[in-house]
Amino acid sequence: MNFPADLRYTEEHEWIKIIDGNIALVGITDFAQAELGDIVFVEIETEGEELGANDIFGTIEAVKTVSDLFLPVAGKVLEVNPALSDEPELVNNSPYEGGWLIKMEIADLADVESLMDAEAYTSSIGH
């Protein structure tokens, strides 16, 4: 399993990566996509909305289950990854690159620091 050191992680298996100032990408971890299995649909209808930390921002559907997606920190959903409408399997094949879920504006950058680093996340899932 791969857990990049430049990301922060949540107990709900989302990751966040700051890409420019207070703009970040959010996705699910390699562990989460492996647990879900083949992802067939991603539904995110919160674009443009301000949400709190741990609020549900969408759902991800695999062959046998549907899971809620939780926002790692408070902020505004700016964009949904357009590639996922035609290729939801990108989340399986490239969870940290092509399979990102949303781009968001973070309300308070300090909140990101309170999330788990790669080492803490790896320990939390027993790896």
N, C-alpha and C. Protein backbone atom coordinates (compact mmCIF):
# COMPACT_ATOMS: atom_id res chain seq x y z
N MET A 1 0.84 -1.19 0.00
CA MET A 1 0.00 0.00 0.00
C MET A 1 0.87 1.24 0.00
N ASN A 2 0.35 2.25 -0.64
CA ASN A 2 1.09 3.48 -0.84
C ASN A 2 0.39 4.62 -0.10
N PHE A 3 1.13 5.32 0.78
CA PHE A 3 0.60 6.47 1.50
C PHE A 3 1.63 7.61 1.41
N PRO A 4 1.51 8.47 0.39
CA PRO A 4 2.51 9.53 0.18
C PRO A 4 2.68 10.42 1.41
N ALA A 5 3.94 10.77 1.67
CA ALA A 5 4.28 11.57 2.84
C ALA A 5 3.82 13.01 2.75
N ASP A 6 3.53 13.51 1.53
CA ASP A 6 3.14 14.91 1.38
C ASP A 6 1.64 15.14 1.54
N LEU A 7 0.91 14.10 1.92
CA LEU A 7 -0.53 14.21 2.12
C LEU A 7 -0.86 14.13 3.60
N ARG A 8 -2.07 14.57 3.96
CA ARG A 8 -2.62 14.37 5.30
C ARG A 8 -3.84 13.47 5.16
N TYR A 9 -4.13 12.72 6.22
CA TYR A 9 -5.14 11.66 6.15
C TYR A 9 -6.16 11.77 7.28
N THR A 10 -7.37 11.22 7.02
CA THR A 10 -8.42 11.20 8.03
C THR A 10 -8.71 9.77 8.46
N GLU A 11 -9.40 9.62 9.58
CA GLU A 11 -9.81 8.30 10.04
C GLU A 11 -10.82 7.66 9.09
N GLU A 12 -11.50 8.48 8.29
CA GLU A 12 -12.49 7.98 7.33
C GLU A 12 -11.84 7.63 5.99
N HIS A 13 -10.49 7.68 5.93
CA HIS A 13 -9.71 7.24 4.76
C HIS A 13 -9.73 8.21 3.58
N GLU A 14 -9.94 9.50 3.87
CA GLU A 14 -9.75 10.52 2.85
C GLU A 14 -8.34 11.10 3.01
N TRP A 15 -7.82 11.63 1.92
CA TRP A 15 -6.55 12.36 1.97
C TRP A 15 -6.78 13.77 1.45
N ILE A 16 -5.86 14.67 1.83
CA ILE A 16 -5.90 16.05 1.35
C ILE A 16 -4.48 16.48 1.02
N LYS A 17 -4.36 17.20 -0.10
CA LYS A 17 -3.05 17.70 -0.54
C LYS A 17 -3.20 19.16 -0.91
N ILE A 18 -2.45 20.02 -0.23
CA ILE A 18 -2.46 21.44 -0.57
C ILE A 18 -1.68 21.62 -1.86
N ILE A 19 -2.31 22.28 -2.84
CA ILE A 19 -1.65 22.46 -4.13
C ILE A 19 -1.26 23.91 -4.41
N ASP A 20 -1.94 24.87 -3.76
CA ASP A 20 -1.62 26.27 -4.00
C ASP A 20 -2.30 27.13 -2.94
N GLY A 21 -1.52 27.68 -2.02
CA GLY A 21 -2.10 28.52 -0.97
C GLY A 21 -3.07 27.73 -0.12
N ASN A 22 -4.37 28.11 -0.18
CA ASN A 22 -5.38 27.39 0.59
C ASN A 22 -6.26 26.51 -0.32
N ILE A 23 -5.76 26.18 -1.50
CA ILE A 23 -6.46 25.30 -2.43
C ILE A 23 -5.88 23.89 -2.30
N ALA A 24 -6.76 22.91 -2.24
CA ALA A 24 -6.31 21.53 -2.03
C ALA A 24 -7.12 20.55 -2.87
N LEU A 25 -6.52 19.40 -3.09
CA LEU A 25 -7.23 18.27 -3.69
C LEU A 25 -7.58 17.30 -2.58
N VAL A 26 -8.70 16.59 -2.74
CA VAL A 26 -9.16 15.60 -1.78
C VAL A 26 -9.49 14.32 -2.54
N GLY A 27 -9.15 13.19 -1.94
CA GLY A 27 -9.48 11.89 -2.53
C GLY A 27 -9.58 10.85 -1.45
N ILE A 28 -9.69 9.59 -1.87
CA ILE A 28 -9.67 8.49 -0.90
C ILE A 28 -8.34 7.77 -1.02
N THR A 29 -7.96 7.11 0.06
CA THR A 29 -6.64 6.47 0.12
C THR A 29 -6.60 5.17 -0.66
N ASP A 30 -5.38 4.72 -0.90
CA ASP A 30 -5.14 3.43 -1.54
C ASP A 30 -5.83 2.32 -0.74
N PHE A 31 -5.75 2.40 0.57
CA PHE A 31 -6.41 1.42 1.45
C PHE A 31 -7.92 1.43 1.22
N ALA A 32 -8.52 2.60 1.17
CA ALA A 32 -9.97 2.71 1.00
C ALA A 32 -10.42 2.14 -0.33
N GLN A 33 -9.72 2.48 -1.41
CA GLN A 33 -10.14 1.97 -2.71
C GLN A 33 -9.99 0.46 -2.78
N ALA A 34 -8.97 -0.09 -2.12
CA ALA A 34 -8.79 -1.54 -2.09
C ALA A 34 -9.91 -2.22 -1.31
N GLU A 35 -10.32 -1.60 -0.20
CA GLU A 35 -11.41 -2.14 0.61
C GLU A 35 -12.74 -2.09 -0.14
N LEU A 36 -12.97 -1.02 -0.89
CA LEU A 36 -14.22 -0.87 -1.63
C LEU A 36 -14.31 -1.84 -2.80
N GLY A 37 -13.20 -2.10 -3.45
CA GLY A 37 -13.21 -2.92 -4.66
C GLY A 37 -13.46 -2.06 -5.88
N ASP A 38 -13.97 -2.66 -6.94
CA ASP A 38 -14.13 -1.95 -8.21
C ASP A 38 -15.15 -0.82 -8.09
N ILE A 39 -14.67 0.40 -8.28
CA ILE A 39 -15.52 1.59 -8.18
C ILE A 39 -16.21 1.81 -9.52
N VAL A 40 -17.54 1.96 -9.45
CA VAL A 40 -18.33 2.08 -10.67
C VAL A 40 -18.99 3.45 -10.83
N PHE A 41 -19.06 4.25 -9.75
CA PHE A 41 -19.73 5.54 -9.85
C PHE A 41 -19.31 6.44 -8.70
N VAL A 42 -19.09 7.71 -9.00
CA VAL A 42 -18.81 8.71 -7.98
C VAL A 42 -19.86 9.81 -8.13
N GLU A 43 -20.56 10.10 -7.03
CA GLU A 43 -21.60 11.13 -7.07
C GLU A 43 -21.24 12.24 -6.08
N ILE A 44 -20.98 13.42 -6.64
CA ILE A 44 -20.65 14.59 -5.82
C ILE A 44 -21.48 15.75 -6.35
N GLU A 45 -22.43 16.20 -5.54
CA GLU A 45 -23.33 17.28 -5.95
C GLU A 45 -23.19 18.50 -5.06
N THR A 46 -22.01 18.65 -4.45
CA THR A 46 -21.80 19.74 -3.50
C THR A 46 -20.92 20.84 -4.06
N GLU A 47 -20.64 20.81 -5.36
CA GLU A 47 -19.80 21.85 -5.96
C GLU A 47 -20.39 23.22 -5.68
N GLY A 48 -19.52 24.14 -5.20
CA GLY A 48 -19.94 25.49 -4.87
C GLY A 48 -20.43 25.66 -3.45
N GLU A 49 -20.53 24.56 -2.70
CA GLU A 49 -21.05 24.64 -1.33
C GLU A 49 -19.94 24.78 -0.30
N GLU A 50 -20.27 25.51 0.77
CA GLU A 50 -19.40 25.61 1.95
C GLU A 50 -19.82 24.49 2.91
N LEU A 51 -18.85 23.67 3.31
CA LEU A 51 -19.14 22.55 4.20
C LEU A 51 -18.18 22.56 5.39
N GLY A 52 -18.61 21.91 6.46
CA GLY A 52 -17.77 21.79 7.64
C GLY A 52 -16.91 20.53 7.57
N ALA A 53 -15.92 20.48 8.44
CA ALA A 53 -15.09 19.29 8.55
C ALA A 53 -15.98 18.09 8.88
N ASN A 54 -15.72 16.99 8.23
CA ASN A 54 -16.45 15.72 8.40
C ASN A 54 -17.86 15.73 7.82
N ASP A 55 -18.27 16.81 7.15
CA ASP A 55 -19.55 16.79 6.44
C ASP A 55 -19.44 15.88 5.23
N ILE A 56 -20.55 15.26 4.87
CA ILE A 56 -20.58 14.40 3.69
C ILE A 56 -20.60 15.29 2.44
N PHE A 57 -19.65 15.05 1.53
CA PHE A 57 -19.62 15.85 0.30
C PHE A 57 -20.01 15.05 -0.93
N GLY A 58 -20.25 13.76 -0.77
CA GLY A 58 -20.65 12.93 -1.90
C GLY A 58 -20.66 11.46 -1.50
N THR A 59 -20.86 10.61 -2.51
CA THR A 59 -20.80 9.17 -2.28
C THR A 59 -19.97 8.52 -3.37
N ILE A 60 -19.46 7.35 -3.04
CA ILE A 60 -18.68 6.56 -3.99
C ILE A 60 -19.28 5.17 -4.00
N GLU A 61 -19.55 4.67 -5.20
CA GLU A 61 -20.23 3.39 -5.34
C GLU A 61 -19.30 2.37 -5.95
N ALA A 62 -19.18 1.25 -5.25
CA ALA A 62 -18.43 0.11 -5.76
C ALA A 62 -19.45 -0.96 -6.15
N VAL A 63 -18.97 -2.07 -6.67
CA VAL A 63 -19.87 -3.12 -7.15
C VAL A 63 -20.83 -3.58 -6.05
N LYS A 64 -20.33 -3.68 -4.80
CA LYS A 64 -21.15 -4.25 -3.73
C LYS A 64 -21.56 -3.28 -2.63
N THR A 65 -21.15 -2.02 -2.71
CA THR A 65 -21.44 -1.11 -1.61
C THR A 65 -21.43 0.35 -2.07
N VAL A 66 -22.04 1.20 -1.27
CA VAL A 66 -21.97 2.66 -1.46
C VAL A 66 -21.44 3.25 -0.17
N SER A 67 -20.46 4.13 -0.28
CA SER A 67 -19.87 4.76 0.90
C SER A 67 -19.96 6.27 0.80
N ASP A 68 -20.20 6.91 1.95
CA ASP A 68 -20.19 8.36 2.02
C ASP A 68 -18.75 8.87 1.95
N LEU A 69 -18.59 10.07 1.44
CA LEU A 69 -17.31 10.75 1.38
C LEU A 69 -17.36 11.93 2.35
N PHE A 70 -16.36 12.03 3.22
CA PHE A 70 -16.34 13.05 4.26
C PHE A 70 -15.25 14.08 3.99
N LEU A 71 -15.62 15.36 4.09
CA LEU A 71 -14.66 16.44 3.88
C LEU A 71 -13.64 16.46 5.03
N PRO A 72 -12.34 16.44 4.72
CA PRO A 72 -11.33 16.40 5.79
C PRO A 72 -11.29 17.64 6.67
N VAL A 73 -11.51 18.81 6.07
CA VAL A 73 -11.49 20.09 6.80
C VAL A 73 -12.59 20.98 6.23
N ALA A 74 -12.97 21.99 6.98
CA ALA A 74 -14.01 22.92 6.52
C ALA A 74 -13.52 23.71 5.32
N GLY A 75 -14.46 24.01 4.43
CA GLY A 75 -14.12 24.82 3.27
C GLY A 75 -15.18 24.74 2.20
N LYS A 76 -14.82 25.21 1.01
CA LYS A 76 -15.75 25.28 -0.11
C LYS A 76 -15.32 24.32 -1.21
N VAL A 77 -16.27 23.53 -1.70
CA VAL A 77 -16.01 22.61 -2.82
C VAL A 77 -15.98 23.45 -4.09
N LEU A 78 -14.82 23.52 -4.73
CA LEU A 78 -14.65 24.36 -5.91
C LEU A 78 -14.91 23.61 -7.22
N GLU A 79 -14.50 22.34 -7.25
CA GLU A 79 -14.55 21.59 -8.50
C GLU A 79 -14.60 20.11 -8.21
N VAL A 80 -15.34 19.39 -9.04
CA VAL A 80 -15.36 17.93 -9.00
C VAL A 80 -14.48 17.45 -10.15
N ASN A 81 -13.68 16.43 -9.92
CA ASN A 81 -12.80 15.89 -10.96
C ASN A 81 -13.66 15.47 -12.16
N PRO A 82 -13.55 16.17 -13.29
CA PRO A 82 -14.42 15.88 -14.43
C PRO A 82 -14.16 14.51 -15.06
N ALA A 83 -12.97 13.97 -14.90
CA ALA A 83 -12.63 12.68 -15.50
C ALA A 83 -13.42 11.52 -14.89
N LEU A 84 -13.91 11.71 -13.65
CA LEU A 84 -14.57 10.60 -12.95
C LEU A 84 -15.93 10.25 -13.52
N SER A 85 -16.57 11.18 -14.22
CA SER A 85 -17.89 10.86 -14.78
C SER A 85 -17.79 9.77 -15.84
N ASP A 86 -16.71 9.76 -16.60
CA ASP A 86 -16.51 8.73 -17.62
C ASP A 86 -15.62 7.59 -17.15
N GLU A 87 -14.75 7.86 -16.17
CA GLU A 87 -13.79 6.86 -15.71
C GLU A 87 -13.71 6.79 -14.18
N PRO A 88 -14.77 6.32 -13.51
CA PRO A 88 -14.71 6.24 -12.05
C PRO A 88 -13.61 5.29 -11.55
N GLU A 89 -13.18 4.37 -12.41
CA GLU A 89 -12.13 3.43 -12.02
C GLU A 89 -10.78 4.11 -11.82
N LEU A 90 -10.65 5.39 -12.21
CA LEU A 90 -9.43 6.14 -11.91
C LEU A 90 -9.15 6.16 -10.41
N VAL A 91 -10.21 6.13 -9.60
CA VAL A 91 -10.03 6.12 -8.15
C VAL A 91 -9.31 4.84 -7.72
N ASN A 92 -9.60 3.72 -8.38
CA ASN A 92 -8.89 2.46 -8.10
C ASN A 92 -7.47 2.49 -8.65
N ASN A 93 -7.33 2.95 -9.88
CA ASN A 93 -6.05 2.86 -10.58
C ASN A 93 -5.04 3.92 -10.16
N SER A 94 -5.52 5.07 -9.72
CA SER A 94 -4.64 6.19 -9.40
C SER A 94 -5.25 7.05 -8.30
N PRO A 95 -5.37 6.51 -7.07
CA PRO A 95 -6.10 7.24 -6.02
C PRO A 95 -5.48 8.58 -5.63
N TYR A 96 -4.17 8.76 -5.87
CA TYR A 96 -3.52 10.01 -5.45
C TYR A 96 -3.22 10.95 -6.61
N GLU A 97 -3.43 10.53 -7.82
CA GLU A 97 -3.13 11.37 -8.98
C GLU A 97 -4.40 11.62 -9.78
N GLY A 98 -4.65 10.81 -10.80
CA GLY A 98 -5.81 11.01 -11.67
C GLY A 98 -7.15 10.78 -11.01
N GLY A 99 -7.17 10.05 -9.90
CA GLY A 99 -8.42 9.70 -9.24
C GLY A 99 -8.83 10.60 -8.08
N TRP A 100 -8.27 11.82 -8.03
CA TRP A 100 -8.71 12.76 -6.99
C TRP A 100 -10.19 13.04 -7.18
N LEU A 101 -10.87 13.42 -6.09
CA LEU A 101 -12.31 13.61 -6.13
C LEU A 101 -12.74 15.06 -6.30
N ILE A 102 -12.22 15.93 -5.43
CA ILE A 102 -12.61 17.34 -5.49
C ILE A 102 -11.41 18.25 -5.29
N LYS A 103 -11.59 19.48 -5.78
CA LYS A 103 -10.68 20.58 -5.45
C LYS A 103 -11.47 21.47 -4.51
N MET A 104 -10.83 21.90 -3.43
CA MET A 104 -11.53 22.71 -2.43
C MET A 104 -10.69 23.89 -1.98
N GLU A 105 -11.40 24.89 -1.44
CA GLU A 105 -10.76 26.02 -0.78
C GLU A 105 -10.87 25.79 0.72
N ILE A 106 -9.73 25.71 1.39
CA ILE A 106 -9.70 25.41 2.82
C ILE A 106 -10.01 26.67 3.62
N ALA A 107 -10.92 26.56 4.58
CA ALA A 107 -11.29 27.70 5.41
C ALA A 107 -10.15 28.12 6.34
N ASP A 108 -9.45 27.14 6.96
CA ASP A 108 -8.37 27.43 7.90
C ASP A 108 -7.26 26.41 7.70
N LEU A 109 -6.13 26.86 7.16
CA LEU A 109 -5.02 25.95 6.87
C LEU A 109 -4.52 25.20 8.10
N ALA A 110 -4.67 25.76 9.28
CA ALA A 110 -4.22 25.10 10.50
C ALA A 110 -4.96 23.77 10.72
N ASP A 111 -6.18 23.67 10.20
CA ASP A 111 -6.95 22.43 10.35
C ASP A 111 -6.26 21.25 9.67
N VAL A 112 -5.56 21.51 8.59
CA VAL A 112 -4.88 20.43 7.86
C VAL A 112 -3.81 19.80 8.74
N GLU A 113 -3.11 20.64 9.50
CA GLU A 113 -2.04 20.14 10.36
C GLU A 113 -2.54 19.19 11.45
N SER A 114 -3.82 19.28 11.79
CA SER A 114 -4.36 18.41 12.84
C SER A 114 -4.69 17.01 12.31
N LEU A 115 -4.64 16.83 11.00
CA LEU A 115 -4.91 15.51 10.42
C LEU A 115 -3.67 14.62 10.53
N MET A 116 -3.86 13.32 10.31
CA MET A 116 -2.76 12.36 10.43
C MET A 116 -1.76 12.50 9.29
N ASP A 117 -0.48 12.33 9.63
CA ASP A 117 0.53 12.21 8.58
C ASP A 117 0.55 10.76 8.10
N ALA A 118 1.37 10.46 7.11
CA ALA A 118 1.39 9.13 6.51
C ALA A 118 1.72 8.04 7.54
N GLU A 119 2.66 8.32 8.42
CA GLU A 119 3.05 7.34 9.42
C GLU A 119 1.90 7.04 10.40
N ALA A 120 1.23 8.08 10.87
CA ALA A 120 0.10 7.88 11.79
C ALA A 120 -1.04 7.15 11.10
N TYR A 121 -1.31 7.50 9.84
CA TYR A 121 -2.39 6.82 9.10
C TYR A 121 -2.07 5.35 8.91
N THR A 122 -0.83 5.06 8.53
CA THR A 122 -0.41 3.66 8.33
C THR A 122 -0.61 2.87 9.62
N SER A 123 -0.25 3.45 10.76
CA SER A 123 -0.48 2.78 12.04
C SER A 123 -1.95 2.60 12.34
N SER A 124 -2.76 3.59 11.98
CA SER A 124 -4.20 3.53 12.30
C SER A 124 -4.92 2.41 11.58
N ILE A 125 -4.40 2.01 10.42
CA ILE A 125 -5.05 0.92 9.68
C ILE A 125 -4.35 -0.42 9.88
N GLY A 126 -3.36 -0.40 10.76
CA GLY A 126 -2.69 -1.65 11.11
C GLY A 126 -1.68 -2.15 10.09
N HIS A 127 -1.07 -1.23 9.37
CA HIS A 127 -0.04 -1.63 8.39
C HIS A 127 1.33 -1.19 8.82
